[in-house]
Amino acid sequence: MDDFLIIGGGIAGVSAAARLSHLGRVTLLEAEDHLAHHASGRSAALFEPNYGLPPVVALSLASDDHHRRANGGVLSPRGLMIVATQLLRDAFEHEAAVMNLARISPAEARAMVPILRADALEHAAYAEHAWDLDTDKLIQDFQREAKANGAKVLTGARVTAIRRTSAGWEADTATCTHSARIIVNAAGAWVDEVARMAGVAPLGFTPYRRSMARIPAPGGHDIRAWPMIFGAGETWYAKPDAGALIVSPAEEHLMDPHDAWADDMVLAEGLARYEEMVTEPVTRLLASWAGLRTFAPDRVLVIGHDPVEPAFFWLAGQGGYGFQTAPAASRLAADLIGGGAPELDATTVAALSPARFG
């Protein structure tokens, strides 16, 4: 029997496997044929620690040192800009204040991103405190740590049934039955389904689709130094990526858990909003995809023992913050499971606990 059985091989599950491997025997089960297949493999890969509600920001800030220093770090400079027309001034002012961005002139914004339209851009704000995050390296670093401590990481291992036993849990896959004292539910969009399988009350998680398009560098520009750009009200965003530009309509469309794909009409509408602010039209796509961002009812992560079934541990509801919060979220999970004193303050720990849902 293992000590910990982790269900889900995205960044939440893999980082938890690394932390818990120091405390006991770990098996991680991922339904797909490789890790980070769903939301974790479709991330915008940005570390912006001021983004999100206060408990999310606390996790992001507590993850900063790990992102910068562990295993050589995973961050590289990017920067963040918000742009707006006059009609979106209120949304612009709010978001610039929340994310601590400094107002710059439209001319300064166009000097940084020359395709911004002079006749449309009325408001701009910028800050350097946003970084590209090497998501693949972070996954691999945590996986390497887990395996070095004897953890088993199994892919193509979809859980089909879960049973409570006198000693803990049993979970069936197509080829094997796994047993453990504690289940860690890190199943992304499927966390409520895993809970139901285990006879644990679901908490009401909601998956939302977000689509992405990859387009050639606009106008042949060298875009490597461009910041990530948000349209005010998060009506679209764009981010340089390996010589091309990723553009998202930033939609939140309610979905059932599934292997998501981009909706052509939603992409077209989002690209049209992007085109309203730039001089270069989108003439072709290099690729498109979508992922599910799964939120708890209050849009804050859920990290803690189930209040009714304490051998069932929730590590869920990462939404769009999974990678940037993973070091601190997994550390908190290990502290709570191992009985250690959390590094985070008590107010934040309570705000993250599943007990907040009564």
Protein backbone atom coordinates (compact mmCIF):
# COMPACT_ATOMS: atom_id res chain seq x y z
CA MET A 1 0.00 0.00 0.00
CA ASP A 2 1.17 3.49 -0.86
CA ASP A 3 0.92 6.44 1.44
CA PHE A 4 -0.40 8.81 -1.23
CA LEU A 5 -2.31 8.19 -4.45
CA ILE A 6 -2.48 11.30 -6.64
CA ILE A 7 -5.12 11.41 -9.36
CA GLY A 8 -4.15 13.83 -12.13
CA GLY A 9 -0.89 14.48 -13.94
CA GLY A 10 -1.06 18.20 -14.61
CA ILE A 11 1.14 20.69 -12.80
CA ALA A 12 -0.90 20.33 -9.59
CA GLY A 13 -0.50 16.57 -9.42
CA VAL A 14 3.14 16.45 -10.50
CA SER A 15 4.22 19.16 -8.05
CA ALA A 16 2.31 17.40 -5.27
CA ALA A 17 4.06 14.15 -6.16
CA ALA A 18 7.44 15.86 -5.75
CA ARG A 19 6.57 17.36 -2.36
CA LEU A 20 4.88 14.24 -0.97
CA SER A 21 7.69 11.96 -2.17
CA HIS A 22 9.69 13.30 0.78
CA LEU A 23 6.98 12.10 3.17
CA GLY A 24 6.17 8.59 1.95
CA ARG A 25 5.38 6.30 -0.96
CA VAL A 26 3.64 8.04 -3.86
CA THR A 27 1.84 6.85 -6.98
CA LEU A 28 0.50 9.35 -9.51
CA LEU A 29 -2.15 8.26 -12.02
CA GLU A 30 -2.67 10.25 -15.22
CA ALA A 31 -5.48 9.19 -17.55
CA GLU A 32 -3.80 10.41 -20.73
CA ASP A 33 -0.69 9.02 -22.41
CA HIS A 34 1.53 11.86 -21.21
CA LEU A 35 1.63 14.36 -18.39
CA ALA A 36 0.13 17.86 -18.72
CA HIS A 37 -2.17 16.83 -21.56
CA HIS A 38 -5.12 19.08 -20.73
CA ALA A 39 -5.06 22.56 -19.14
CA SER A 40 -1.41 22.35 -18.07
CA GLY A 41 -0.32 21.68 -21.63
CA ARG A 42 -2.27 24.64 -23.00
CA SER A 43 -1.19 27.44 -20.70
CA ALA A 44 -0.28 30.99 -21.70
CA ALA A 45 2.82 30.37 -19.54
CA LEU A 46 3.05 33.75 -17.80
CA PHE A 47 4.03 34.48 -14.21
CA GLU A 48 2.27 37.65 -13.10
CA PRO A 49 2.03 37.45 -9.30
CA ASN A 50 -0.47 40.31 -8.92
CA TYR A 51 -3.08 38.54 -11.06
CA GLY A 52 -6.06 37.04 -9.21
CA LEU A 53 -7.95 37.28 -5.95
CA PRO A 54 -5.99 37.82 -2.69
CA PRO A 55 -5.49 34.12 -1.79
CA VAL A 56 -4.29 33.44 -5.35
CA VAL A 57 -1.90 36.38 -5.20
CA ALA A 58 -0.57 35.09 -1.86
CA LEU A 59 0.19 31.70 -3.46
CA SER A 60 1.83 33.34 -6.46
CA LEU A 61 4.03 35.58 -4.33
CA ALA A 62 5.02 32.59 -2.20
CA SER A 63 6.00 30.74 -5.40
CA ASP A 64 8.28 33.54 -6.64
CA ASP A 65 11.52 32.32 -5.11
CA HIS A 66 11.07 28.76 -6.40
CA HIS A 67 10.33 30.00 -9.90
CA ARG A 68 13.46 32.14 -9.90
CA ARG A 69 15.98 29.86 -8.23
CA ALA A 70 15.02 26.18 -7.98
CA ASN A 71 16.91 24.04 -10.51
CA GLY A 72 18.20 27.18 -12.22
CA GLY A 73 14.80 28.87 -12.41
CA VAL A 74 12.03 28.86 -15.01
CA LEU A 75 11.48 32.60 -15.61
CA SER A 76 12.62 34.95 -18.38
CA PRO A 77 11.72 38.63 -18.91
CA ARG A 78 8.46 39.47 -20.67
CA GLY A 79 6.55 42.44 -19.21
CA LEU A 80 2.84 43.18 -19.35
CA MET A 81 0.83 45.89 -21.12
CA ILE A 82 -2.86 46.77 -21.02
CA VAL A 83 -4.32 48.78 -23.91
CA ALA A 84 -7.75 50.33 -24.33
CA THR A 85 -9.96 52.55 -26.41
CA GLN A 86 -11.80 55.41 -24.73
CA LEU A 87 -14.90 53.21 -24.39
CA LEU A 88 -13.04 50.78 -22.08
CA ARG A 89 -11.43 53.41 -19.87
CA ASP A 90 -13.13 52.24 -16.66
CA ALA A 91 -12.04 48.61 -17.14
CA PHE A 92 -8.55 49.83 -18.02
CA GLU A 93 -8.24 51.96 -14.89
CA HIS A 94 -9.43 49.11 -12.67
CA GLU A 95 -7.14 46.47 -14.15
CA ALA A 96 -4.09 48.73 -14.22
CA ALA A 97 -4.59 49.48 -10.54
CA VAL A 98 -5.19 45.85 -9.54
CA MET A 99 -2.09 44.62 -11.36
CA ASN A 100 0.04 47.59 -10.31
CA LEU A 101 0.80 48.79 -13.83
CA ALA A 102 2.13 52.28 -14.52
CA ARG A 103 0.29 54.42 -17.02
CA ILE A 104 2.28 55.20 -20.19
CA SER A 105 1.42 57.34 -23.19
CA PRO A 106 0.05 55.83 -26.40
CA ALA A 107 3.29 56.89 -28.11
CA GLU A 108 5.35 54.99 -25.53
CA ALA A 109 3.14 51.94 -26.01
CA ARG A 110 3.57 52.09 -29.79
CA ALA A 111 7.32 52.40 -29.39
CA MET A 112 7.26 49.06 -27.59
CA VAL A 113 4.63 47.43 -29.86
CA PRO A 114 4.67 49.27 -33.20
CA ILE A 115 1.57 47.57 -34.62
CA LEU A 116 -0.76 49.29 -32.11
CA ARG A 117 -3.12 51.63 -33.96
CA ALA A 118 -2.63 55.32 -33.28
CA ASP A 119 -6.29 56.07 -34.11
CA ALA A 120 -7.62 53.44 -31.66
CA LEU A 121 -5.23 53.43 -28.72
CA GLU A 122 -6.27 55.92 -26.04
CA HIS A 123 -4.96 54.33 -22.83
CA ALA A 124 -1.97 52.13 -22.03
CA ALA A 125 -0.22 50.87 -18.92
CA TYR A 126 2.88 48.74 -18.48
CA ALA A 127 4.98 46.94 -15.90
CA GLU A 128 8.04 44.72 -16.01
CA HIS A 129 6.75 42.41 -13.26
CA ALA A 130 5.56 39.64 -15.59
CA TRP A 131 7.74 36.82 -16.83
CA ASP A 132 7.59 33.98 -19.30
CA LEU A 133 7.39 30.71 -17.40
CA ASP A 134 9.01 27.58 -18.84
CA THR A 135 6.11 25.24 -18.14
CA ASP A 136 7.77 22.14 -19.57
CA LYS A 137 10.86 22.61 -17.43
CA LEU A 138 8.75 23.11 -14.30
CA ILE A 139 6.83 19.89 -14.98
CA GLN A 140 10.05 17.98 -15.68
CA ASP A 141 11.82 19.37 -12.61
CA PHE A 142 9.00 18.28 -10.31
CA GLN A 143 8.70 14.89 -12.01
CA ARG A 144 12.45 14.32 -11.68
CA GLU A 145 12.30 15.15 -7.97
CA ALA A 146 9.36 12.81 -7.42
CA LYS A 147 10.99 9.89 -9.23
CA ALA A 148 14.31 10.44 -7.48
CA ASN A 149 12.48 9.78 -4.23
CA GLY A 150 10.83 6.62 -5.53
CA ALA A 151 7.48 7.97 -6.69
CA LYS A 152 5.71 6.06 -9.46
CA VAL A 153 4.30 8.25 -12.24
CA LEU A 154 1.91 6.24 -14.41
CA THR A 155 0.34 7.55 -17.62
CA GLY A 156 -2.49 5.95 -19.57
CA ALA A 157 -3.93 5.05 -16.16
CA ARG A 158 -7.51 6.33 -16.10
CA VAL A 159 -9.26 5.71 -12.78
CA THR A 160 -12.53 3.84 -13.27
CA ALA A 161 -13.62 3.18 -9.67
CA ILE A 162 -12.64 4.18 -6.14
CA ARG A 163 -13.51 2.35 -2.92
CA ARG A 164 -13.03 3.25 0.72
CA THR A 165 -11.33 0.51 2.73
CA SER A 166 -10.48 0.09 6.40
CA ALA A 167 -6.88 1.07 5.64
CA GLY A 168 -7.54 3.86 3.14
CA TRP A 169 -8.56 3.65 -0.52
CA GLU A 170 -8.50 1.40 -3.55
CA ALA A 171 -8.62 2.84 -7.07
CA ASP A 172 -9.08 0.74 -10.19
CA THR A 173 -7.54 1.38 -13.59
CA ALA A 174 -7.86 -0.83 -16.68
CA THR A 175 -4.77 -2.84 -15.70
CA CYS A 176 -4.35 -2.58 -11.95
CA THR A 177 -5.86 -1.74 -8.56
CA HIS A 178 -3.90 0.78 -6.49
CA SER A 179 -4.22 1.24 -2.74
CA ALA A 180 -3.16 4.12 -0.53
CA ARG A 181 -3.87 5.76 2.80
CA ILE A 182 -4.70 9.16 1.27
CA ILE A 183 -6.07 10.21 -2.12
CA VAL A 184 -4.99 13.58 -3.49
CA ASN A 185 -7.57 14.79 -5.98
CA ALA A 186 -5.67 16.85 -8.57
CA ALA A 187 -7.81 15.84 -11.54
CA GLY A 188 -8.37 19.30 -13.04
CA ALA A 189 -11.74 19.59 -14.77
CA TRP A 190 -12.63 16.10 -13.49
CA VAL A 191 -12.15 16.76 -9.75
CA ASP A 192 -15.85 16.60 -8.91
CA GLU A 193 -16.18 13.38 -10.92
CA VAL A 194 -13.32 11.85 -8.93
CA ALA A 195 -15.00 12.95 -5.70
CA ARG A 196 -18.28 11.30 -6.69
CA MET A 197 -16.41 8.09 -7.54
CA ALA A 198 -14.97 8.13 -4.03
CA GLY A 199 -18.32 8.84 -2.39
CA VAL A 200 -17.23 12.35 -1.42
CA ALA A 201 -19.55 15.31 -1.93
CA PRO A 202 -18.52 17.43 -4.95
CA LEU A 203 -17.80 21.11 -4.36
CA GLY A 204 -19.26 22.59 -7.54
CA PHE A 205 -16.24 23.12 -9.77
CA THR A 206 -16.90 24.67 -13.17
CA PRO A 207 -14.71 24.15 -16.26
CA TYR A 208 -14.58 27.01 -18.76
CA ARG A 209 -13.08 26.81 -22.23
CA ARG A 210 -10.39 29.23 -23.37
CA SER A 211 -9.24 29.21 -27.00
CA MET A 212 -5.89 30.19 -28.50
CA ALA A 213 -4.61 30.92 -32.00
CA ARG A 214 -0.97 31.02 -33.08
CA ILE A 215 -0.29 33.49 -35.89
CA PRO A 216 2.87 34.55 -37.74
CA ALA A 217 4.78 37.53 -36.38
CA PRO A 218 2.66 40.53 -37.49
CA GLY A 219 4.16 42.43 -40.41
CA GLY A 220 7.37 40.46 -40.15
CA HIS A 221 8.35 42.36 -36.97
CA ASP A 222 10.89 40.96 -34.54
CA ILE A 223 8.48 40.46 -31.65
CA ARG A 224 10.82 38.75 -29.17
CA ALA A 225 10.96 41.77 -26.83
CA TRP A 226 7.26 42.63 -26.98
CA PRO A 227 5.34 42.35 -23.71
CA MET A 228 2.24 40.29 -23.21
CA ILE A 229 -0.65 42.55 -24.22
CA PHE A 230 -4.15 42.51 -22.73
CA GLY A 231 -7.13 44.28 -24.20
CA ALA A 232 -8.87 46.08 -21.33
CA GLY A 233 -11.66 44.02 -19.82
CA GLU A 234 -9.64 40.95 -20.83
CA THR A 235 -11.46 40.91 -24.16
CA TRP A 236 -8.35 39.43 -25.82
CA TYR A 237 -4.66 38.99 -25.16
CA ALA A 238 -1.54 38.36 -27.20
CA LYS A 239 1.86 37.00 -26.27
CA PRO A 240 5.05 36.37 -28.23
CA ASP A 241 5.98 32.71 -28.44
CA ALA A 242 9.01 31.30 -30.26
CA GLY A 243 8.91 33.87 -33.07
CA ALA A 244 5.13 33.78 -33.50
CA LEU A 245 2.25 35.45 -31.66
CA ILE A 246 -0.37 33.67 -29.57
CA VAL A 247 -3.72 35.49 -29.59
CA SER A 248 -6.66 34.46 -27.40
CA PRO A 249 -10.25 35.73 -27.35
CA ALA A 250 -10.00 35.21 -23.56
CA GLU A 251 -13.44 33.64 -23.52
CA GLU A 252 -14.98 31.76 -20.62
CA HIS A 253 -17.51 29.34 -22.04
CA LEU A 254 -19.04 26.82 -19.64
CA MET A 255 -18.15 23.26 -20.60
CA ASP A 256 -18.45 19.71 -19.34
CA PRO A 257 -15.06 18.07 -18.67
CA HIS A 258 -13.60 16.88 -21.98
CA ASP A 259 -10.56 17.19 -24.24
CA ALA A 260 -11.31 20.74 -25.39
CA TRP A 261 -10.81 22.21 -28.85
CA ALA A 262 -11.05 25.76 -30.18
CA ASP A 263 -14.34 27.06 -31.53
CA ASP A 264 -13.77 28.68 -34.94
CA MET A 265 -16.42 31.37 -34.45
CA VAL A 266 -15.15 32.30 -30.99
CA LEU A 267 -11.61 32.53 -32.36
CA ALA A 268 -12.77 34.71 -35.23
CA GLU A 269 -14.58 37.08 -32.87
CA GLY A 270 -11.56 37.32 -30.57
CA LEU A 271 -9.17 37.91 -33.44
CA ALA A 272 -11.48 40.67 -34.69
CA ARG A 273 -11.25 42.40 -31.28
CA TYR A 274 -7.45 42.12 -31.46
CA GLU A 275 -7.44 43.49 -35.02
CA GLU A 276 -9.38 46.57 -33.89
CA MET A 277 -6.26 47.64 -31.95
CA VAL A 278 -3.52 46.78 -34.45
CA THR A 279 -2.43 47.77 -37.93
CA GLU A 280 -1.68 44.27 -39.21
CA PRO A 281 -4.64 42.01 -40.09
CA VAL A 282 -4.60 38.30 -39.32
CA THR A 283 -4.31 36.50 -42.66
CA ARG A 284 -3.62 32.94 -41.51
CA LEU A 285 -3.34 30.74 -38.45
CA LEU A 286 -0.37 28.52 -37.73
CA ALA A 287 -2.35 26.50 -35.18
CA SER A 288 -5.28 26.71 -32.78
CA TRP A 289 -6.23 24.90 -29.59
CA ALA A 290 -8.24 25.29 -26.38
CA GLY A 291 -8.05 24.29 -22.75
CA LEU A 292 -10.41 24.11 -19.78
CA ARG A 293 -9.77 26.45 -16.86
CA THR A 294 -11.57 24.99 -13.86
CA PHE A 295 -12.74 27.20 -11.00
CA ALA A 296 -14.32 26.66 -7.60
CA PRO A 297 -17.51 28.68 -6.98
CA ASP A 298 -15.50 31.57 -5.49
CA ARG A 299 -12.69 31.32 -8.10
CA VAL A 300 -10.06 30.55 -5.44
CA LEU A 301 -8.01 27.36 -5.35
CA VAL A 302 -9.12 24.56 -3.03
CA ILE A 303 -6.31 22.99 -1.00
CA GLY A 304 -7.04 20.86 2.01
CA HIS A 305 -8.53 17.73 3.56
CA ASP A 306 -12.20 17.16 2.82
CA PRO A 307 -14.04 18.21 6.00
CA VAL A 308 -16.15 15.01 6.03
CA GLU A 309 -13.60 12.53 4.64
CA PRO A 310 -10.13 13.70 5.79
CA ALA A 311 -8.31 10.92 3.90
CA PHE A 312 -9.50 12.63 0.69
CA PHE A 313 -7.40 15.71 -0.07
CA TRP A 314 -8.46 18.42 -2.54
CA LEU A 315 -5.85 20.11 -4.74
CA ALA A 316 -8.14 21.71 -7.25
CA GLY A 317 -9.62 24.79 -8.88
CA GLN A 318 -6.38 26.20 -10.27
CA GLY A 319 -8.25 28.06 -13.00
CA GLY A 320 -5.69 30.09 -14.93
CA TYR A 321 -3.21 30.14 -12.05
CA GLY A 322 -1.92 26.56 -11.93
CA PHE A 323 1.66 27.05 -13.01
CA GLN A 324 2.29 30.32 -11.25
CA THR A 325 0.96 29.02 -7.92
CA ALA A 326 2.23 25.42 -8.12
CA PRO A 327 5.33 25.70 -5.92
CA ALA A 328 3.46 27.23 -2.98
CA ALA A 329 0.25 25.24 -3.54
CA SER A 330 2.12 21.93 -3.50
CA ARG A 331 4.16 23.02 -0.48
CA LEU A 332 0.94 23.85 1.38
CA ALA A 333 -0.53 20.47 0.42
CA ALA A 334 2.54 18.68 1.81
CA ASP A 335 2.48 20.78 4.98
CA LEU A 336 -1.19 20.00 5.61
CA ILE A 337 -0.90 16.30 4.80
CA GLY A 338 2.35 15.89 6.72
CA GLY A 339 1.15 17.83 9.75
CA GLY A 340 3.72 20.59 9.39
CA ALA A 341 3.15 24.27 10.07
CA PRO A 342 2.17 25.96 6.78
CA GLU A 343 4.47 28.67 5.51
CA LEU A 344 1.41 30.69 4.43
CA ASP A 345 -0.51 32.78 6.96
CA ALA A 346 -3.56 31.30 8.66
CA THR A 347 -6.00 33.61 6.87
CA THR A 348 -4.81 32.46 3.46
CA VAL A 349 -4.81 28.80 4.48
CA ALA A 350 -8.43 29.15 5.66
CA ALA A 351 -9.39 30.93 2.43
CA LEU A 352 -8.04 27.97 0.45
CA SER A 353 -9.57 25.23 2.59
CA PRO A 354 -12.53 23.18 1.30
CA ALA A 355 -14.12 23.75 4.71
CA ARG A 356 -15.09 27.24 3.52
CA PHE A 357 -17.93 25.66 1.53
CA GLY A 358 -19.54 24.37 4.70
